[in-house]
Each structure stands twice: as C-alpha cells, then as structure tokens.
Amino acid sequence: MPDSEPLRPRLVGTWRLESFVAIGAPGSSLEPWYPYGKSPSGFLVYTNDGYMSTNIVEPGQADFDWVSESHWAESAKRYTGYSGPFYITEKDGKEDIIKHFSEVSSLPAWIGTTQERTWEFEEGGRILILSSPGPMDMRVSLYALAE
C-alpha cells in the first residue's frame, strides 16, 4: 500500500512479532538489550473498531505446576500483554504517533497509561516497525500474517 493511504486501515489485522530490541537513545553508550531473548514470540492485533492487543513471550519456558507460586512468578518474568483502544495523532497534517491506551496489562504500572509508538513500514507494508520514543528506544519489528 502506498504511504499516502491512511494509517488505520494499514494497521488493522494481526501482526506476528519478528524481533524486539531495546536500544539506547542516540549518543547513549547502552548496548542493545533483548528483554524477551533474541527469538521472542508474540502478536499485535489492531481491530476495525479501534482496539489493540499485544502478547509477547520469551520462548522455551518449562512447563510448570499450576499451584506453584514460584513457577507463576518465573513465567510472568517472560511475558507481557496489554490491550485497550488505540488512537493516531496528527502533526503538521500527517499521521504521527500511534497511542495505545492500556485498559488491562500484565504490567500493573501500565494500566490507565498511554504507550506512544512511532511507526514505519518496510517491504511494501508487510513489515511494521514500532518504536517508543524516550531515553531507551524500543524497536519492534512485526510481520503481517498472510492475507
């Protein structure tokens, strides 16, 4: 899809996580960090009615006993999920930032907050790259699932 197309219809659908890396801001000495390992699994879903949901997990977790609090805690270290409405802001007449409002989250501090994401498409819109602005940038590459 050409870049002149509105952003919302280009986002709607299910995206499979390809990579997730945290990178220090320009000029930072921070080394890239892979919070879910170098081969994470996950999905990001944008719906027509303006909601989003994401689930990210570090693969390779061992099966565990459902009644063991220590196993639940270990599993939670390797998983993040949140969902709620999403919005697209404009700046200078161009679609600028995707905002994810977190109504539910595995990270309690995110509930009721807005996660801002800059965006770009690669490979004719088949790859969506989201980044979070800030002192430590998060760069997430996602592949569109086959249509």
C-alpha atoms as a PDB file:
ATOM      1  CA  MET A   1       0.000   0.000   0.000  1.00  0.00           C
ATOM      2  CA  PRO A   2       1.397   3.437  -0.821  1.00  0.00           C
ATOM      3  CA  ASP A   3       2.369   5.720   2.064  1.00  0.00           C
ATOM      4  CA  SER A   4      -0.397   8.130   1.034  1.00  0.00           C
ATOM      5  CA  GLU A   5      -3.007   5.645   2.297  1.00  0.00           C
ATOM      6  CA  PRO A   6      -4.444   6.406   5.765  1.00  0.00           C
ATOM      7  CA  LEU A   7      -2.625   4.631   8.578  1.00  0.00           C
ATOM      8  CA  ARG A   8      -5.559   2.972  10.402  1.00  0.00           C
ATOM      9  CA  PRO A   9      -6.568   0.558   7.597  1.00  0.00           C
ATOM     10  CA  ARG A  10      -2.897  -0.308   7.082  1.00  0.00           C
ATOM     11  CA  LEU A  11      -2.604  -1.298  10.758  1.00  0.00           C
ATOM     12  CA  VAL A  12      -5.824  -3.315  11.105  1.00  0.00           C
ATOM     13  CA  GLY A  13      -5.135  -7.025  11.279  1.00  0.00           C
ATOM     14  CA  THR A  14      -2.819  -9.414  13.076  1.00  0.00           C
ATOM     15  CA  TRP A  15       0.932  -8.896  13.123  1.00  0.00           C
ATOM     16  CA  ARG A  16       3.432 -11.604  14.167  1.00  0.00           C
ATOM     17  CA  LEU A  17       6.419 -10.478  16.223  1.00  0.00           C
ATOM     18  CA  GLU A  18       9.734 -10.790  14.433  1.00  0.00           C
ATOM     19  CA  SER A  19      12.086  -9.027  16.846  1.00  0.00           C
ATOM     20  CA  PHE A  20      12.072  -6.905  19.980  1.00  0.00           C
ATOM     21  CA  VAL A  21      15.150  -4.917  20.934  1.00  0.00           C
ATOM     22  CA  ALA A  22      15.716  -2.029  23.335  1.00  0.00           C
ATOM     23  CA  ILE A  23      18.316   0.424  22.068  1.00  0.00           C
ATOM     24  CA  GLY A  24      19.881   3.368  23.848  1.00  0.00           C
ATOM     25  CA  ALA A  25      18.941   6.791  22.516  1.00  0.00           C
ATOM     26  CA  PRO A  26      21.347   8.398  20.001  1.00  0.00           C
ATOM     27  CA  GLY A  27      24.597   9.215  21.765  1.00  0.00           C
ATOM     28  CA  SER A  28      23.959   6.686  24.540  1.00  0.00           C
ATOM     29  CA  SER A  29      26.564   4.073  25.441  1.00  0.00           C
ATOM     30  CA  LEU A  30      23.873   1.482  26.199  1.00  0.00           C
ATOM     31  CA  GLU A  31      24.243  -1.792  24.335  1.00  0.00           C
ATOM     32  CA  PRO A  32      21.173  -3.289  22.593  1.00  0.00           C
ATOM     33  CA  TRP A  33      19.127  -5.385  25.008  1.00  0.00           C
ATOM     34  CA  TYR A  34      16.718  -8.210  24.128  1.00  0.00           C
ATOM     35  CA  PRO A  35      14.184  -8.330  27.000  1.00  0.00           C
ATOM     36  CA  TYR A  36      12.481 -11.461  25.600  1.00  0.00           C
ATOM     37  CA  GLY A  37      15.608 -13.095  24.176  1.00  0.00           C
ATOM     38  CA  LYS A  38      16.698 -12.967  20.549  1.00  0.00           C
ATOM     39  CA  SER A  39      13.783 -15.094  19.283  1.00  0.00           C
ATOM     40  CA  PRO A  40      10.633 -13.828  21.026  1.00  0.00           C
ATOM     41  CA  SER A  41       7.117 -14.930  20.123  1.00  0.00           C
ATOM     42  CA  GLY A  42       4.085 -12.719  20.036  1.00  0.00           C
ATOM     43  CA  PHE A  43       1.281 -10.993  18.240  1.00  0.00           C
ATOM     44  CA  LEU A  44      -0.084  -7.480  17.911  1.00  0.00           C
ATOM     45  CA  VAL A  45      -3.695  -7.139  16.808  1.00  0.00           C
ATOM     46  CA  TYR A  46      -5.401  -3.934  15.659  1.00  0.00           C
ATOM     47  CA  THR A  47      -9.179  -4.124  15.174  1.00  0.00           C
ATOM     48  CA  ASN A  48     -11.528  -2.136  12.947  1.00  0.00           C
ATOM     49  CA  ASP A  49     -13.362  -0.782  15.989  1.00  0.00           C
ATOM     50  CA  GLY A  50     -10.208   0.881  17.366  1.00  0.00           C
ATOM     51  CA  TYR A  51      -8.806  -1.629  19.842  1.00  0.00           C
ATOM     52  CA  MET A  52      -5.407  -3.257  20.066  1.00  0.00           C
ATOM     53  CA  SER A  53      -3.990  -6.205  21.954  1.00  0.00           C
ATOM     54  CA  THR A  54      -0.448  -7.474  22.239  1.00  0.00           C
ATOM     55  CA  ASN A  55       1.146 -10.536  23.783  1.00  0.00           C
ATOM     56  CA  ILE A  56       4.900 -11.118  23.898  1.00  0.00           C
ATOM     57  CA  VAL A  57       6.680 -14.104  25.401  1.00  0.00           C
ATOM     58  CA  GLU A  58      10.208 -15.389  25.641  1.00  0.00           C
ATOM     59  CA  PRO A  59      10.039 -18.911  24.198  1.00  0.00           C
ATOM     60  CA  GLY A  60      11.467 -22.022  25.789  1.00  0.00           C
ATOM     61  CA  GLN A  61       9.784 -21.842  29.154  1.00  0.00           C
ATOM     62  CA  ALA A  62       9.468 -25.114  31.001  1.00  0.00           C
ATOM     63  CA  ASP A  63       6.026 -26.471  31.796  1.00  0.00           C
ATOM     64  CA  PHE A  64       5.077 -25.811  35.402  1.00  0.00           C
ATOM     65  CA  ASP A  65       2.812 -26.837  38.247  1.00  0.00           C
ATOM     66  CA  TRP A  66      -0.276 -24.609  38.310  1.00  0.00           C
ATOM     67  CA  VAL A  67      -0.263 -24.371  42.086  1.00  0.00           C
ATOM     68  CA  SER A  68       3.345 -23.257  42.471  1.00  0.00           C
ATOM     69  CA  GLU A  69       3.690 -19.511  43.044  1.00  0.00           C
ATOM     70  CA  SER A  70       7.391 -19.632  42.166  1.00  0.00           C
ATOM     71  CA  HIS A  71       6.573 -21.131  38.754  1.00  0.00           C
ATOM     72  CA  TRP A  72       3.929 -18.467  38.109  1.00  0.00           C
ATOM     73  CA  ALA A  73       6.444 -15.776  39.047  1.00  0.00           C
ATOM     74  CA  GLU A  74       9.066 -17.250  36.716  1.00  0.00           C
ATOM     75  CA  SER A  75       6.547 -17.394  33.863  1.00  0.00           C
ATOM     76  CA  ALA A  76       5.464 -13.782  34.442  1.00  0.00           C
ATOM     77  CA  LYS A  77       9.062 -12.596  34.025  1.00  0.00           C
ATOM     78  CA  ARG A  78       8.942 -13.769  30.426  1.00  0.00           C
ATOM     79  CA  TYR A  79       5.541 -12.430  29.359  1.00  0.00           C
ATOM     80  CA  THR A  80       3.993  -9.025  28.677  1.00  0.00           C
ATOM     81  CA  GLY A  81       0.487  -8.396  27.442  1.00  0.00           C
ATOM     82  CA  TYR A  82      -1.767  -5.378  27.336  1.00  0.00           C
ATOM     83  CA  SER A  83      -4.810  -4.126  25.434  1.00  0.00           C
ATOM     84  CA  GLY A  84      -7.222  -1.252  25.026  1.00  0.00           C
ATOM     85  CA  PRO A  85      -8.182   1.400  22.491  1.00  0.00           C
ATOM     86  CA  PHE A  86      -5.656   2.871  20.098  1.00  0.00           C
ATOM     87  CA  TYR A  87      -5.516   6.343  18.587  1.00  0.00           C
ATOM     88  CA  ILE A  88      -3.456   8.005  15.889  1.00  0.00           C
ATOM     89  CA  THR A  89      -2.349  11.595  16.402  1.00  0.00           C
ATOM     90  CA  GLU A  90      -1.512  14.074  13.684  1.00  0.00           C
ATOM     91  CA  LYS A  91       1.288  16.608  13.499  1.00  0.00           C
ATOM     92  CA  ASP A  92       1.632  19.140  10.702  1.00  0.00           C
ATOM     93  CA  GLY A  93      -1.194  17.408   8.808  1.00  0.00           C
ATOM     94  CA  LYS A  94       0.499  13.980   8.875  1.00  0.00           C
ATOM     95  CA  GLU A  95      -0.319  10.885  10.909  1.00  0.00           C
ATOM     96  CA  ASP A  96       2.364  10.936  13.549  1.00  0.00           C
ATOM     97  CA  ILE A  97       2.110   8.759  16.676  1.00  0.00           C
ATOM     98  CA  ILE A  98       0.120   5.609  17.430  1.00  0.00           C
ATOM     99  CA  LYS A  99      -1.150   5.708  21.022  1.00  0.00           C
ATOM    100  CA  HIS A 100      -2.080   2.506  22.833  1.00  0.00           C
ATOM    101  CA  PHE A 101      -4.263   3.172  25.898  1.00  0.00           C
ATOM    102  CA  SER A 102      -3.741   0.289  28.301  1.00  0.00           C
ATOM    103  CA  GLU A 103      -7.015  -0.778  29.946  1.00  0.00           C
ATOM    104  CA  VAL A 104      -5.579  -4.140  31.044  1.00  0.00           C
ATOM    105  CA  SER A 105      -1.946  -5.163  31.351  1.00  0.00           C
ATOM    106  CA  SER A 106       0.333  -7.780  32.854  1.00  0.00           C
ATOM    107  CA  LEU A 107       2.362  -4.758  33.999  1.00  0.00           C
ATOM    108  CA  PRO A 108       0.241  -3.055  36.696  1.00  0.00           C
ATOM    109  CA  ALA A 109       2.040   0.287  36.238  1.00  0.00           C
ATOM    110  CA  TRP A 110       0.796   0.432  32.631  1.00  0.00           C
ATOM    111  CA  ILE A 111      -2.917   0.171  33.474  1.00  0.00           C
ATOM    112  CA  GLY A 112      -4.550   3.506  32.670  1.00  0.00           C
ATOM    113  CA  THR A 113      -1.490   4.791  30.806  1.00  0.00           C
ATOM    114  CA  THR A 114      -0.839   5.542  27.158  1.00  0.00           C
ATOM    115  CA  GLN A 115       2.037   3.886  25.333  1.00  0.00           C
ATOM    116  CA  GLU A 116       3.248   6.006  22.409  1.00  0.00           C
ATOM    117  CA  ARG A 117       4.698   4.364  19.313  1.00  0.00           C
ATOM    118  CA  THR A 118       6.342   5.872  16.270  1.00  0.00           C
ATOM    119  CA  TRP A 119       5.917   3.738  13.168  1.00  0.00           C
ATOM    120  CA  GLU A 120       7.277   2.914   9.762  1.00  0.00           C
ATOM    121  CA  PHE A 121       6.550   0.281   7.160  1.00  0.00           C
ATOM    122  CA  GLU A 122       9.026  -1.756   5.170  1.00  0.00           C
ATOM    123  CA  GLU A 123       8.741  -4.247   2.320  1.00  0.00           C
ATOM    124  CA  GLY A 124       5.632  -2.682   0.819  1.00  0.00           C
ATOM    125  CA  GLY A 125       3.742  -2.617   4.110  1.00  0.00           C
ATOM    126  CA  ARG A 126       4.439  -6.263   5.035  1.00  0.00           C
ATOM    127  CA  ILE A 127       6.708  -5.265   7.936  1.00  0.00           C
ATOM    128  CA  LEU A 128       5.608  -2.786  10.597  1.00  0.00           C
ATOM    129  CA  ILE A 129       8.301  -1.318  12.827  1.00  0.00           C
ATOM    130  CA  LEU A 130       7.145   0.314  16.033  1.00  0.00           C
ATOM    131  CA  SER A 131       9.441   2.272  18.327  1.00  0.00           C
ATOM    132  CA  SER A 132       8.877   4.010  21.610  1.00  0.00           C
ATOM    133  CA  PRO A 133      10.346   7.467  21.943  1.00  0.00           C
ATOM    134  CA  GLY A 134      12.428   8.086  25.035  1.00  0.00           C
ATOM    135  CA  PRO A 135      15.845   7.695  26.616  1.00  0.00           C
ATOM    136  CA  MET A 136      15.778   3.990  25.783  1.00  0.00           C
ATOM    137  CA  ASP A 137      14.091   3.297  22.483  1.00  0.00           C
ATOM    138  CA  MET A 138      12.246   0.058  21.955  1.00  0.00           C
ATOM    139  CA  ARG A 139      12.199  -1.155  18.375  1.00  0.00           C
ATOM    140  CA  VAL A 140       9.739  -3.891  17.481  1.00  0.00           C
ATOM    141  CA  SER A 141       9.562  -5.470  14.036  1.00  0.00           C
ATOM    142  CA  LEU A 142       6.357  -7.257  13.102  1.00  0.00           C
ATOM    143  CA  TYR A 143       5.349  -9.235  10.034  1.00  0.00           C
ATOM    144  CA  ALA A 144       1.815  -9.115   8.693  1.00  0.00           C
ATOM    145  CA  LEU A 145       0.224 -12.557   8.656  1.00  0.00           C
ATOM    146  CA  ALA A 146      -0.727 -13.912   5.251  1.00  0.00           C
ATOM    147  CA  GLU A 147      -3.924 -12.334   3.995  1.00  0.00           C
END
